[in-house]
Amino acid sequence: MALAVQDAAPERPFVGREPEVEVLTRALAVDAHSHGSLVVVRGEPGIGKTTLLASALARMDPATGAVLRATAGAMDRRRPYGLVLDALASGDADVRERVAGITDRLREVAAVDFARADVTAGEQVLDLIEILAARGPVTLVLEDLQWADPGSLAVLTRLCATMRQQPLVVVVSARPLPVRPELTHLLSEAEARHVLTLIELGPLTPESCTALTEALTRARADGSLLRQMEVAGGNPLFLIELLGVMQRDGSLRVAADGTASLASAPTRTPSLALMIMNHLGSLSPAARDLLVLASVLGARFPISDLRLIAGQPVTELRPALSEVMAAGVLGEDGESTLTFRHALIQEVLVADVPATIRGELHHEMATRLEAVGAPPLSVAEHLLRAPGSAELVPWTLRLAERVRTTSPDTAVELWRRVVEASAPTQDAHIRAVAGIARTIMVGGRTAEAAELARTVLGGGTPAELESGLRATLSHALLFGGDYLGAQAEADRAAGGTRLTPFERADHLAFAGWPRLLLGEPREALSRAHEAQAAAEASGNTSARIFALVLRGHVAGARGDLDEALALLLGAVELADSEQTVAAIEAFPHQIAATLLADLDRVDESLALFERGRRLAERLGYLPGVFSAFYLGSRSRALTGHLSDVEADLEARESLRGRLDLQMEATTLGTRAWVALHRDGPDAAEPWVRRLGDVDAVTGIVRGVAWVHGPASGHAQAIGDRHGAFAVLWRGWERCIAREVLMDCVQMSVQLTALALELGEDERASQVERVVSGVAEGNPDVVHLAATAQVVSGLVAHDSRRVRKGADLFAATPRRMAHARAAELAAAALARDGLIEEAIAMAEDALRSYGEVGANHDVARARSRLASAGVQVKGHRVSARPATGWGALTRTEETVARQVATGLSNPEVAEILFVSRRTIESHVSHILAKLGLRSRTELVLFVARRAHELDERTHEVQPPLERRGTDASQDGYGAGRRAGVVERDLDEHAPR
C-alpha cells in the first residue's frame, strides 16, 4: 500500500540511509563471505529496516551465491525452527526437498515416548545450513527476529561458534522491543565471537525527511508542510502515512509553481495507529470486517485459515478480499498464503479489537481448526491466545499430549494453562504437573522437575500417575546430585502398594544407582539382581537394561572386565532394539564404551560413544548427549592427543547452559589434567581451583582418578610432594573402600613413585598387591600387565622390570602412560649405571609426550632426566610446535584435509564418526594453529601446501628400509621416524 499523494507516484524512494546501506553492502560483498558474520539491523517499527535490506540485497553481486530469506510472525513462535526452515525452503529444489524431509520427520516423532524435536530437528537444520555453506557462499536473511521461534534463535546462536569459518553471512532485522532473553543471548554470543555487525537505524534527519516528502509529493515542500512532517519524528512509515491522510482529507495542496503546502492545519496531532485506521476507513464495511478477522490470524497466514475464521467459502469472500488486496493492505506470499503489507497494520487492527472479542475469535478459530483436523500446533497457537477456563481443561490436556513430541515448550505452556484452571487435587491438574515435570527433566532441568513432582505427590495422587511422578522425582534428584534424596525416593517408590509388576521393576532397577554413587556397591548389586529378576518376569526391557548396566558398571570398576563386557554389551543390544528414552537412561552405550577403552579397544570404544550420542540426540535425551562427551573425553584422554581431548571437552561445554546436571567434577579434573601436561601448573591452576576440595566430591563411581589425580599432579608440579601424595592416597583409599579397582590402577604408577620418594614403602607395596591382582585377573589386557610391571619394578628397585613395563605400554595405544613409564625407566636405568639404555628410554618418553601434545612434560622430563645424567639431544624428541602445520594433531590433519575437499562439518563428522560439535572444535583449533580466519583460507592453504610438497617430495623421500610402518599399526605413530619431514610425507601416504 504505497500511500503516495498522487496516483502515479513512484514507489517509496530510499533516502537518508547512505552510511547504513554502505555498511550492509560491504557485509554482503563476495569478499566478506570468505569469513562469516551476523549483521543485525535494529530499529523501531516503520523506521525502514526492510527497505534498507531490499536496497542492499539489490546491489549484491550474483557471484555472492544463494540468498535465503524469510520473515517471522508473532503467530509463528511455537513452530519449532519455523523461521529458519522457511528461509531454507526459499532455496532451490534440492534444498526444499531436504527441508520437507526435516518437516516430515518432525511430524513422525509422535511415535516416540518423549520430546525429541528440540535436539533432532535443530541438528538437522544446522547440518543443512553448513552443507549449503560448504557448497558456496550463503546469505541468510531473517526479518522481524523479535518474533522468531526459540529453536531458530538457538540455531543462530549455535552458528556463531563456527560462523567465521564458513562463507555464511546472516542478516537479521529486529525491533528493540520486546526484549527476549534468547535474542539478547544471540547478540551477546555473536559479539563474544567477534562476528557481530550492529546497524542501529535511528530517525531520518530533517534533510532526509524533506527529500522523502518532496519525492513523494513530486513538489517542493514549503515551511508549513515541513513543520507538519516533524510530527513523524523521522519515521519514514509515519511520514508516508501522514502524507496519505493529508491527501485524502484535502489538506495537502500543490500549487501551479510546484510548491506543496498545507491548505489547513490539522485539529490535533495524529498517531500512526490513528492514521492507519483512518486510511482503512475508506474501505467498505465488508472489507474492514474481513481485515479484523485476518488480523487475528497474524501478519502472515494461509488463505484457508481466513476462510475458516470467516465461516464462508472463498467465493463469497472474494469481493472483500479483492478490495483489500487492491488497496495494498494485503498481499500474496506464495500460492496459498496472504500477508499484511506491513506488520504494523496487523498490530494496529488486532489491538483495536476488544480483548474479550479477540479471545473469543481465537477460541472459535481453535475449534474450527480442530474440527478440520489441522496440525495440533496450529490449534494450540489459537487456544493459548483464548482465555482459559475450566471447561477447556480436558481439551487443553489432550492437546498437550498431542504436541509434546513435536514442541515440548508448547506442551508445557498448555499444561501450565491446565494447572491454572484446575484445583490441585483434580486429576487433570496432577496429570499436567506430571507432564511438565517429566518433559523438563528429560530436557535436563532437574531442579524444577523435582520441585514440581513433589508438589503433587501425596495421598490424592491417582495410582496410574504416582509411579511416573516418583520416577521423575528420583531421577531428577539423582541427576541434580541429591543422592540420598534419590535413594529415599526410589526406595519409597519401589515399596509402593499400588504398583504393577512392570512399574515395580522400574523402581527396583533405579534404586541401585544412588547406592552405587554413595559408595555402596554391594547394596547396589543386590538391588540390580532383584530388579533384573522382576524385569524379566514382567517383560520390562528398560528396567532390565538399567539392571544390566549397573551390574556391568560394578564389575568393570572391580576389574572383572570379561563379566562386565558381557553384561554391558547385552544392555547395548537391548537398548538398540528398543530405541526409546527409557532404554538409554542408564547410558548403556557410554558405560560399555568406557569398558572397551579399559580393554584398549579404542576404535570400538570411540564408535560406541558416538553411537550412544547419536541415539540420545535422535531421541531428544540431552543427558545422554552430555554423558557421551563427559565420559568420552576421559576415555580419549588415556589414548589420544591432548588437543583431541580438549575438542571433546569443548563440545560438551556447548551443552552446559541447557542442563543443570551435576557432572562437573571429573570434567574439571580432566581440564586440569590436559592443561597440566600440555602447558604446566600455571595453566592448570584455575581448573584445580574450580575443582575445590576433592575429598568433598560425591557421586562418582569411575572417575575418582580424574579428580584426585590432577589435583595431586598439580601439587607435585609446584613442589608440594607431601600434599600431592596425601591427595592421591586419599583417592586410593576411597577407591579401595568402594571397590573401584580400575581407578586404583590408573593412579598406581604416580602413587607408587611418590610413595617411594617419601619413604612410604609399605603403602607402595599395598599398591603393588592390588595392581598385580587386577592384572592377573585380566591376563589378556596388556596395559594392566604393563602397569603391574612398572609398579613392581619401582617397589623392587628393578630398573629392567620397569623398562619391561614401558615396553609393554609401547604396544598399547596409551601414549601418555607409555611416556610416563619410559621416563621412570630411564631414571631407574641411569641410577643403575645403564646410561645407553636410559637414553633410549628417555627418547621414547619424550617422543611419546610429544606425540600427544604434552609439551610441558617434554620440557619437564628432559630437565629431570638431564639432572640424573641422561642427556637427550636432537630434534627427534622435541616438543610439537605451537603453530603451523606441524602443530596439528593427526586427527586435526585428517579434519583439515576433509574440510579442504569442500565438505561441511556434519559431512566430516559422518565420515569420521564423531559429533559435529567435536569437528567444530577441531576446525577452530586448526584455524588458530595455522593463523587462518576461515574455511576458505584453509582450502587454499592445504592446496598450496600439497603443491609445495609435490615439488620437493623427490628431495626428501627416505629409502624404503628407513620408512616407518603404516599408520594402521597402532594409529598413534608407533614405529614412525620422528620429525617434520616424515609428517609431511605421511599425510600423502595411503591410509
Foldseek 3Di string as FASTA:
>chain_A
DQLFLDPPADHQDDDQCVVVLVVLLVCLELVVLQFEFEEEEEAAFLQQPVVSVVVSVVPYDPQLDEEFEFEAWLLCQQFALVQLLNRQCVDDPVSVVLSVVLVVVLLVLLVFDFAQQLQVSLVSSLQSVLQVQLVGAYEYEYEACVNHHLNNLVSLQVCLLFRRFTSYYYYYYHYPPDDDPSNVSSQVSNVVSVRYHYHYRDARDLVRLQVSNCSSNVAHEDPQLSVLLCLQVRRNLLSSLVSSVCSVVVQWDQDPVRYIHGNDDDPDNDDSLRSLVVVCVVADPLLLVLLLLVLLQIQKDFVVLSCQLVVHDVVVVVVSVVRCVVVQQWDDDPDGMIGGNGRVSSVSSPVPDPLQVSLVSLVSSLVSCVVVPHQLSSSLSSPLSHDAELVCLVVLQVSLSRCRHSRVVSSLSSLVSNCVHDDLLDQSVLSSLLSNLVNVVLQFALVVSLVSLVVNDDDRHDLVRNLSSLVSNLSSCLQLPNLVVSLVSLVVSLPDPSDDLLSNLQSLLVNLQSCLLQLNLVVSLVSLVVSCVSCVVVVNLLSNLSSLQSVLLLCVLLLVLVSSLVSLVVLVVSCVVVLHCSSCVNPSLLSNLLSCLLLLVPVSSQLSLLVQLVSCSSNNRVVSVLSSLLSVLVSCLQFAALLLSVLSLQLSVVCVVRHSGPSVQLSLLSQLVSCCLQPRLVSSVVSLVVNPDLVPDTRDNPRLCSRLVSNLSSCVRVPNLVVSLVSLVVSLVSSVSSSRLVSLLVCLLVNLVSCVVVVVLVVLVVSLVSLVVSCVSPVSRQLSVLSSQLSVCSSVLNLVSLVVSLVSVLQGSRLQVSLVSLLVSLLSCLVVVNQVSSLVSNLSNLLSSQLNNSQVCNVVSQVVSVVSVHHHDDPQRHHQDQADPSNAHPVLLLLLVVLLVSRGLVVSCVVVSHDSSSSSSSVVSNCVRHVHRYSSVSNVVVVVLVVVCVVCVVVPPDPPVQAADQCVSHVRQRRGRGDDVNVSVNSPDDD
